Every structure is written in C-alpha cells, then in structure tokens.
Protein backbone atom coordinates (compact mmCIF):
# COMPACT_ATOMS: atom_id res chain seq x y z
CA MET A 1 25.88 78.06 62.76
CA GLU A 2 26.35 81.51 62.91
CA ASP A 3 29.27 82.12 64.78
CA PHE A 4 30.55 79.60 62.12
CA LEU A 5 30.28 81.74 59.40
CA ARG A 6 31.08 85.09 60.68
CA ILE A 7 34.31 83.25 61.48
CA LEU A 8 33.63 81.44 58.09
CA LYS A 9 33.41 85.43 56.67
CA GLN A 10 36.80 86.71 57.67
CA GLN A 11 39.41 83.51 55.85
CA ASP A 12 41.36 84.28 53.64
CA GLY A 13 39.75 82.48 50.87
CA GLU A 14 40.53 78.84 51.04
CA VAL A 15 40.56 77.25 54.36
CA THR A 16 43.51 75.25 53.70
CA ALA A 17 44.96 73.95 57.33
CA PHE A 18 43.18 72.95 60.49
CA SER A 19 41.52 76.37 62.00
CA GLU A 20 40.27 76.41 65.71
CA LYS A 21 38.02 78.77 65.19
CA LEU A 22 36.80 77.46 62.88
CA TRP A 23 36.25 73.88 64.63
CA CYS A 24 34.80 75.70 67.77
CA GLY A 25 32.21 77.53 66.24
CA LEU A 26 31.40 73.75 64.43
CA LEU A 27 31.43 71.17 67.64
CA ASP A 28 29.33 71.54 70.64
CA TYR A 29 30.97 69.38 72.26
CA ALA A 30 32.67 65.92 72.73
CA THR A 31 32.64 62.90 74.82
CA ALA A 32 35.51 61.03 75.50
CA TYR A 33 34.28 56.91 76.32
CA ALA A 34 36.27 54.62 78.46
CA ASP A 35 37.27 52.06 75.71
CA GLY A 36 39.35 55.48 73.98
CA HIS A 37 36.46 56.33 71.29
CA LEU A 38 35.21 59.93 70.41
CA THR A 39 32.91 61.04 69.93
CA PHE A 40 32.05 65.08 68.40
CA THR A 41 28.89 66.24 68.59
CA PHE A 42 28.28 69.26 66.42
CA LYS A 43 25.82 72.46 67.19
CA ASN A 44 23.66 71.19 64.45
CA GLY A 45 23.15 67.73 66.33
CA SER A 46 24.63 65.48 64.24
CA THR A 47 27.60 63.41 65.30
CA PHE A 48 30.43 62.12 64.78
CA GLU A 49 32.54 59.04 66.02
CA ASP A 50 35.95 58.04 65.57
C-alpha cells in the first residue's frame, strides 16, 4: 500500500488512464485457471475474479 500511495502522489492530477505502475503497486499476484477465468489478489488480501 505504501508503494501505491507513493506512486499515486507522483501523478499529476486525476488518473484517467491505465497506469502499469499503479496496478503493480496494488496487485500482489494474478492466477490464471485452465478454464480461462482469472483471480487477482491484491496486496491488502482482497480478491477479484473475472
């Protein structure tokens, strides 16, 4: 989270486009399954499934 906040503070104004640095600052890892779905696990422990 500290990395994310540090990177966010470096942004000029509102974030309106995808930022690889911000994404990597939040994401811990992603898991790809054989059936094609993905699970994203964030550094705070929360997950998102697609």
